């Protein structure tokens, strides 16, 4: 082993700074990317929830409308039968 030629240590000062800078840059970019992704995810989730609430409201309106229509139809039938008798 002692006969092997000496290589420069990979973490000498210049390499350390470049590696540290690269790591810092990658970390910063990834955190920005994650923040952006989570923001778009939250926006999409909010839109989905709004759409869900909207659909739910429409369903309720449709139900109440059909109920009132049924009521008015039965009232008309009752009125006809009572007036005809």
C-alpha atoms as a PDB file:
ATOM      1  CA  UNK A   1       0.000   0.000   0.000  1.00  0.00           C
ATOM      2  CA  UNK A   2       2.712   2.598   0.750  1.00  0.00           C
ATOM      3  CA  UNK A   3       3.948   2.341  -2.854  1.00  0.00           C
ATOM      4  CA  UNK A   4       0.674   3.799  -4.222  1.00  0.00           C
ATOM      5  CA  UNK A   5       0.993   7.299  -5.595  1.00  0.00           C
ATOM      6  CA  UNK A   6      -0.521  10.010  -3.388  1.00  0.00           C
ATOM      7  CA  UNK A   7      -3.613  11.599  -4.777  1.00  0.00           C
ATOM      8  CA  UNK A   8      -4.898  14.985  -3.763  1.00  0.00           C
ATOM      9  CA  UNK A   9      -7.412  14.675  -1.000  1.00  0.00           C
ATOM     10  CA  UNK A  10     -10.899  15.196  -2.450  1.00  0.00           C
ATOM     11  CA  UNK A  11     -11.806  17.595   0.320  1.00  0.00           C
ATOM     12  CA  UNK A  12      -9.015  20.089   0.073  1.00  0.00           C
ATOM     13  CA  UNK A  13     -10.029  23.693   0.626  1.00  0.00           C
ATOM     14  CA  UNK A  14     -10.944  24.579  -2.936  1.00  0.00           C
ATOM     15  CA  UNK A  15     -12.947  21.415  -3.488  1.00  0.00           C
ATOM     16  CA  UNK A  16     -14.694  21.841  -0.156  1.00  0.00           C
ATOM     17  CA  UNK A  17     -15.930  25.302  -1.049  1.00  0.00           C
ATOM     18  CA  UNK A  18     -17.125  24.269  -4.495  1.00  0.00           C
ATOM     19  CA  UNK A  19     -18.848  21.202  -3.077  1.00  0.00           C
ATOM     20  CA  UNK A  20     -20.395  23.262  -0.307  1.00  0.00           C
ATOM     21  CA  UNK A  21     -21.592  25.837  -2.835  1.00  0.00           C
ATOM     22  CA  UNK A  22     -23.027  23.132  -5.072  1.00  0.00           C
ATOM     23  CA  UNK A  23     -24.783  21.485  -2.152  1.00  0.00           C
ATOM     24  CA  UNK A  24     -26.131  24.827  -0.932  1.00  0.00           C
ATOM     25  CA  UNK A  25     -27.375  25.703  -4.405  1.00  0.00           C
ATOM     26  CA  UNK A  26     -28.992  22.300  -4.882  1.00  0.00           C
ATOM     27  CA  UNK A  27     -30.606  22.493  -1.455  1.00  0.00           C
ATOM     28  CA  UNK A  28     -31.902  25.988  -2.122  1.00  0.00           C
ATOM     29  CA  UNK A  29     -33.282  25.008  -5.519  1.00  0.00           C
ATOM     30  CA  UNK A  30     -34.908  21.899  -4.122  1.00  0.00           C
ATOM     31  CA  UNK A  31     -36.493  23.807  -1.242  1.00  0.00           C
ATOM     32  CA  UNK A  32     -37.783  26.444  -3.660  1.00  0.00           C
ATOM     33  CA  UNK A  33     -39.052  23.670  -5.909  1.00  0.00           C
ATOM     34  CA  UNK A  34     -40.742  21.948  -2.981  1.00  0.00           C
ATOM     35  CA  UNK A  35     -42.261  25.237  -1.816  1.00  0.00           C
ATOM     36  CA  UNK A  36     -43.551  25.923  -5.327  1.00  0.00           C
ATOM     37  CA  UNK A  37     -44.923  22.403  -5.659  1.00  0.00           C
ATOM     38  CA  UNK A  38     -46.648  22.573  -2.283  1.00  0.00           C
ATOM     39  CA  UNK A  39     -48.106  25.970  -3.211  1.00  0.00           C
ATOM     40  CA  UNK A  40     -49.511  24.636  -6.475  1.00  0.00           C
ATOM     41  CA  UNK A  41     -50.716  21.543  -4.638  1.00  0.00           C
ATOM     42  CA  UNK A  42     -52.527  23.677  -2.061  1.00  0.00           C
ATOM     43  CA  UNK A  43     -54.018  25.850  -4.799  1.00  0.00           C
ATOM     44  CA  UNK A  44     -55.225  22.753  -6.612  1.00  0.00           C
ATOM     45  CA  UNK A  45     -56.637  21.364  -3.373  1.00  0.00           C
ATOM     46  CA  UNK A  46     -58.483  24.628  -2.676  1.00  0.00           C
ATOM     47  CA  UNK A  47     -59.941  24.613  -6.193  1.00  0.00           C
ATOM     48  CA  UNK A  48     -61.008  21.000  -5.738  1.00  0.00           C
ATOM     49  CA  UNK A  49     -62.667  21.803  -2.420  1.00  0.00           C
ATOM     50  CA  UNK A  50     -64.421  24.831  -3.917  1.00  0.00           C
ATOM     51  CA  UNK A  51     -65.638  22.669  -6.785  1.00  0.00           C
ATOM     52  CA  UNK A  52     -66.835  20.039  -4.329  1.00  0.00           C
ATOM     53  CA  UNK A  53     -68.688  22.619  -2.229  1.00  0.00           C
ATOM     54  CA  UNK A  54     -70.214  24.102  -5.370  1.00  0.00           C
ATOM     55  CA  UNK A  55     -71.412  20.686  -6.534  1.00  0.00           C
ATOM     56  CA  UNK A  56     -72.810  19.951  -3.084  1.00  0.00           C
ATOM     57  CA  UNK A  57     -74.685  23.263  -3.054  1.00  0.00           C
ATOM     58  CA  UNK A  58     -76.108  22.568  -6.528  1.00  0.00           C
ATOM     59  CA  UNK A  59     -77.210  19.108  -5.413  1.00  0.00           C
ATOM     60  CA  UNK A  60     -78.995  20.596  -2.408  1.00  0.00           C
ATOM     61  CA  UNK A  61     -80.673  23.209  -4.602  1.00  0.00           C
ATOM     62  CA  UNK A  62     -81.794  20.526  -7.019  1.00  0.00           C
ATOM     63  CA  UNK A  63     -83.209  18.438  -4.155  1.00  0.00           C
ATOM     64  CA  UNK A  64     -85.059  21.358  -2.610  1.00  0.00           C
ATOM     65  CA  UNK A  65     -86.360  22.409  -6.021  1.00  0.00           C
ATOM     66  CA  UNK A  66     -87.683  18.930  -6.756  1.00  0.00           C
ATOM     67  CA  UNK A  67     -89.212  18.774  -3.269  1.00  0.00           C
ATOM     68  CA  UNK A  68     -91.006  22.048  -3.740  1.00  0.00           C
ATOM     69  CA  UNK A  69     -92.145  20.934  -7.202  1.00  0.00           C
ATOM     70  CA  UNK A  70     -93.493  17.690  -5.722  1.00  0.00           C
ATOM     71  CA  UNK A  71     -95.250  19.650  -2.997  1.00  0.00           C
ATOM     72  CA  UNK A  72     -96.856  22.028  -5.439  1.00  0.00           C
ATOM     73  CA  UNK A  73     -97.972  19.118  -7.649  1.00  0.00           C
ATOM     74  CA  UNK A  74     -99.545  17.292  -4.718  1.00  0.00           C
ATOM     75  CA  UNK A  75    -101.218  20.534  -3.597  1.00  0.00           C
ATOM     76  CA  UNK A  76    -102.680  20.973  -7.078  1.00  0.00           C
ATOM     77  CA  UNK A  77    -103.940  17.394  -7.068  1.00  0.00           C
ATOM     78  CA  UNK A  78    -105.522  17.875  -3.638  1.00  0.00           C
ATOM     79  CA  UNK A  79    -107.139  21.105  -4.758  1.00  0.00           C
ATOM     80  CA  UNK A  80    -108.533  19.449  -7.891  1.00  0.00           C
ATOM     81  CA  UNK A  81    -109.927  16.504  -5.968  1.00  0.00           C
ATOM     82  CA  UNK A  82    -111.463  18.745  -3.289  1.00  0.00           C
ATOM     83  CA  UNK A  83    -112.941  21.166  -5.821  1.00  0.00           C
ATOM     84  CA  UNK A  84    -114.210  18.381  -8.085  1.00  0.00           C
ATOM     85  CA  UNK A  85    -115.999  16.524  -5.292  1.00  0.00           C
END
